[in-house]
Amino acid sequence: MKAPVLLFCTLLVGLCAVRNLSAETKPADTQLYGPYPTNYKEIVTKWLATQLIDAESAHIEWNGEPKAANLGTQDKPLYGYLVNFKINARNRFGTYTGMQSHGVLIRDGNVVKGLGFGY
């Protein structure tokens, strides 16, 4: 008697997890956030080339897929897709800085805001 109840509970929990997972992966409103940046690594890498002193030395660790985000205020929203990553690159002295966490907000194929770059 316990085995069927246990099996039923396990299936129920699994179905709830699948339902929640599908709710989390619902596409964002493209009118607000723009199209999903499938080529986000290329976009970020090109942008980093304009930000880093020695972009070719950069080692990047990607922290997940882009997520829809609003980095503005209630009065002035700034919608896009947030990409988080860690980067280790050489500074102006030729020394690696160590892995540092950064992020960028991408909208319509462009970086519209950088996070953790000192501005």
C-alpha atoms as a PDB file:
ATOM      1  CA  MET A   1       0.000   0.000   0.000  1.00  0.00           C
ATOM      2  CA  LYS A   2       2.841   2.397   0.748  1.00  0.00           C
ATOM      3  CA  ALA A   3       4.548   1.856  -2.626  1.00  0.00           C
ATOM      4  CA  PRO A   4       1.622   3.168  -4.776  1.00  0.00           C
ATOM      5  CA  VAL A   5       1.222   6.211  -2.517  1.00  0.00           C
ATOM      6  CA  LEU A   6       4.950   6.912  -2.664  1.00  0.00           C
ATOM      7  CA  LEU A   7       4.937   6.530  -6.458  1.00  0.00           C
ATOM      8  CA  PHE A   8       1.953   8.867  -6.750  1.00  0.00           C
ATOM      9  CA  CYS A   9       3.638  11.520  -4.559  1.00  0.00           C
ATOM     10  CA  THR A  10       6.871  11.263  -6.545  1.00  0.00           C
ATOM     11  CA  LEU A  11       5.011  11.734  -9.835  1.00  0.00           C
ATOM     12  CA  LEU A  12       3.063  14.673  -8.413  1.00  0.00           C
ATOM     13  CA  VAL A  13       6.237  16.423  -7.258  1.00  0.00           C
ATOM     14  CA  GLY A  14       7.857  15.781 -10.658  1.00  0.00           C
ATOM     15  CA  LEU A  15       4.889  17.262 -12.518  1.00  0.00           C
ATOM     16  CA  CYS A  16       4.937  20.343 -10.294  1.00  0.00           C
ATOM     17  CA  ALA A  17       8.661  20.806 -10.984  1.00  0.00           C
ATOM     18  CA  VAL A  18       8.122  20.560 -14.745  1.00  0.00           C
ATOM     19  CA  ARG A  19       5.247  23.038 -14.527  1.00  0.00           C
ATOM     20  CA  ASN A  20       7.392  25.532 -12.582  1.00  0.00           C
ATOM     21  CA  LEU A  21      10.309  25.063 -14.979  1.00  0.00           C
ATOM     22  CA  SER A  22       8.130  25.872 -17.979  1.00  0.00           C
ATOM     23  CA  ALA A  23       6.824  29.006 -16.228  1.00  0.00           C
ATOM     24  CA  GLU A  24      10.406  30.214 -15.663  1.00  0.00           C
ATOM     25  CA  THR A  25      11.386  29.759 -19.303  1.00  0.00           C
ATOM     26  CA  LYS A  26       8.430  31.747 -20.653  1.00  0.00           C
ATOM     27  CA  PRO A  27       9.744  34.170 -23.301  1.00  0.00           C
ATOM     28  CA  ALA A  28       9.930  37.831 -22.309  1.00  0.00           C
ATOM     29  CA  ASP A  29       7.845  40.486 -24.038  1.00  0.00           C
ATOM     30  CA  THR A  30       9.939  41.466 -27.063  1.00  0.00           C
ATOM     31  CA  GLN A  31       8.340  44.922 -27.164  1.00  0.00           C
ATOM     32  CA  LEU A  32       9.816  45.655 -23.721  1.00  0.00           C
ATOM     33  CA  TYR A  33      13.029  43.628 -23.707  1.00  0.00           C
ATOM     34  CA  GLY A  34      13.865  43.339 -27.403  1.00  0.00           C
ATOM     35  CA  PRO A  35      14.648  40.035 -29.121  1.00  0.00           C
ATOM     36  CA  TYR A  36      16.442  37.345 -27.136  1.00  0.00           C
ATOM     37  CA  PRO A  37      20.205  37.649 -27.816  1.00  0.00           C
ATOM     38  CA  THR A  38      21.110  34.141 -28.967  1.00  0.00           C
ATOM     39  CA  ASN A  39      24.580  35.422 -29.919  1.00  0.00           C
ATOM     40  CA  TYR A  40      25.157  37.084 -26.527  1.00  0.00           C
ATOM     41  CA  LYS A  41      28.721  35.765 -26.212  1.00  0.00           C
ATOM     42  CA  GLU A  42      29.707  37.460 -29.469  1.00  0.00           C
ATOM     43  CA  ILE A  43      27.974  40.715 -28.456  1.00  0.00           C
ATOM     44  CA  VAL A  44      29.722  40.802 -25.072  1.00  0.00           C
ATOM     45  CA  THR A  45      33.120  39.843 -26.519  1.00  0.00           C
ATOM     46  CA  LYS A  46      32.955  42.651 -29.097  1.00  0.00           C
ATOM     47  CA  TRP A  47      31.904  45.121 -26.411  1.00  0.00           C
ATOM     48  CA  LEU A  48      34.736  44.002 -24.111  1.00  0.00           C
ATOM     49  CA  ALA A  49      37.194  44.760 -26.925  1.00  0.00           C
ATOM     50  CA  THR A  50      36.233  48.436 -26.503  1.00  0.00           C
ATOM     51  CA  GLN A  51      36.435  48.340 -22.691  1.00  0.00           C
ATOM     52  CA  LEU A  52      39.555  46.355 -21.818  1.00  0.00           C
ATOM     53  CA  ILE A  53      43.169  47.411 -22.191  1.00  0.00           C
ATOM     54  CA  ASP A  54      44.199  43.939 -23.420  1.00  0.00           C
ATOM     55  CA  ALA A  55      40.974  42.304 -24.609  1.00  0.00           C
ATOM     56  CA  GLU A  56      42.825  39.478 -26.350  1.00  0.00           C
ATOM     57  CA  SER A  57      44.183  38.278 -22.999  1.00  0.00           C
ATOM     58  CA  ALA A  58      40.686  37.986 -21.503  1.00  0.00           C
ATOM     59  CA  HIS A  59      39.485  34.682 -20.071  1.00  0.00           C
ATOM     60  CA  ILE A  60      35.702  34.675 -19.720  1.00  0.00           C
ATOM     61  CA  GLU A  61      33.521  32.336 -17.650  1.00  0.00           C
ATOM     62  CA  TRP A  62      29.836  32.637 -18.554  1.00  0.00           C
ATOM     63  CA  ASN A  63      27.374  32.439 -15.651  1.00  0.00           C
ATOM     64  CA  GLY A  64      24.236  31.098 -17.277  1.00  0.00           C
ATOM     65  CA  GLU A  65      21.987  32.265 -20.082  1.00  0.00           C
ATOM     66  CA  PRO A  66      20.724  35.852 -20.510  1.00  0.00           C
ATOM     67  CA  LYS A  67      17.709  36.689 -18.364  1.00  0.00           C
ATOM     68  CA  ALA A  68      15.115  39.389 -18.966  1.00  0.00           C
ATOM     69  CA  ALA A  69      15.730  42.284 -16.565  1.00  0.00           C
ATOM     70  CA  ASN A  70      14.823  45.880 -15.829  1.00  0.00           C
ATOM     71  CA  LEU A  71      17.893  47.749 -14.535  1.00  0.00           C
ATOM     72  CA  GLY A  72      16.231  51.150 -14.554  1.00  0.00           C
ATOM     73  CA  THR A  73      13.895  52.824 -12.114  1.00  0.00           C
ATOM     74  CA  GLN A  74      10.126  52.801 -11.914  1.00  0.00           C
ATOM     75  CA  ASP A  75      10.047  56.212 -13.596  1.00  0.00           C
ATOM     76  CA  LYS A  76      12.707  55.383 -16.179  1.00  0.00           C
ATOM     77  CA  PRO A  77      12.847  51.632 -16.929  1.00  0.00           C
ATOM     78  CA  LEU A  78      15.813  50.101 -18.742  1.00  0.00           C
ATOM     79  CA  TYR A  79      14.738  46.745 -20.180  1.00  0.00           C
ATOM     80  CA  GLY A  80      16.953  44.149 -21.781  1.00  0.00           C
ATOM     81  CA  TYR A  81      18.692  40.843 -21.154  1.00  0.00           C
ATOM     82  CA  LEU A  82      21.175  40.596 -18.306  1.00  0.00           C
ATOM     83  CA  VAL A  83      24.294  38.530 -18.987  1.00  0.00           C
ATOM     84  CA  ASN A  84      26.523  37.711 -16.005  1.00  0.00           C
ATOM     85  CA  PHE A  85      30.111  36.551 -16.411  1.00  0.00           C
ATOM     86  CA  LYS A  86      33.516  36.505 -14.772  1.00  0.00           C
ATOM     87  CA  ILE A  87      36.570  37.826 -16.526  1.00  0.00           C
ATOM     88  CA  ASN A  88      40.317  37.694 -15.989  1.00  0.00           C
ATOM     89  CA  ALA A  89      42.340  39.999 -18.240  1.00  0.00           C
ATOM     90  CA  ARG A  90      45.641  41.815 -18.206  1.00  0.00           C
ATOM     91  CA  ASN A  91      45.793  45.367 -16.920  1.00  0.00           C
ATOM     92  CA  ARG A  92      48.033  48.182 -18.182  1.00  0.00           C
ATOM     93  CA  PHE A  93      50.986  46.674 -16.316  1.00  0.00           C
ATOM     94  CA  GLY A  94      50.584  43.361 -18.140  1.00  0.00           C
ATOM     95  CA  THR A  95      49.444  41.549 -14.994  1.00  0.00           C
ATOM     96  CA  TYR A  96      46.267  39.477 -14.824  1.00  0.00           C
ATOM     97  CA  THR A  97      43.712  41.036 -12.490  1.00  0.00           C
ATOM     98  CA  GLY A  98      42.123  37.766 -11.318  1.00  0.00           C
ATOM     99  CA  MET A  99      38.568  36.623 -11.970  1.00  0.00           C
ATOM    100  CA  GLN A 100      36.113  39.452 -11.402  1.00  0.00           C
ATOM    101  CA  SER A 101      32.323  39.343 -11.698  1.00  0.00           C
ATOM    102  CA  HIS A 102      30.669  41.631 -14.218  1.00  0.00           C
ATOM    103  CA  GLY A 103      27.460  41.897 -16.156  1.00  0.00           C
ATOM    104  CA  VAL A 104      25.960  43.672 -19.129  1.00  0.00           C
ATOM    105  CA  LEU A 105      22.451  44.496 -20.231  1.00  0.00           C
ATOM    106  CA  ILE A 106      21.812  43.713 -23.901  1.00  0.00           C
ATOM    107  CA  ARG A 107      18.962  45.230 -25.887  1.00  0.00           C
ATOM    108  CA  ASP A 108      18.460  44.888 -29.648  1.00  0.00           C
ATOM    109  CA  GLY A 109      21.889  43.300 -30.134  1.00  0.00           C
ATOM    110  CA  ASN A 110      23.837  46.003 -28.289  1.00  0.00           C
ATOM    111  CA  VAL A 111      25.211  46.419 -24.779  1.00  0.00           C
ATOM    112  CA  VAL A 112      23.210  49.266 -23.234  1.00  0.00           C
ATOM    113  CA  LYS A 113      24.712  49.087 -19.739  1.00  0.00           C
ATOM    114  CA  GLY A 114      27.827  47.556 -18.182  1.00  0.00           C
ATOM    115  CA  LEU A 115      27.902  46.471 -14.548  1.00  0.00           C
ATOM    116  CA  GLY A 116      31.017  46.260 -12.428  1.00  0.00           C
ATOM    117  CA  PHE A 117      33.297  48.205 -14.764  1.00  0.00           C
ATOM    118  CA  GLY A 118      33.740  51.256 -12.551  1.00  0.00           C
ATOM    119  CA  TYR A 119      31.026  53.440 -14.019  1.00  0.00           C
END
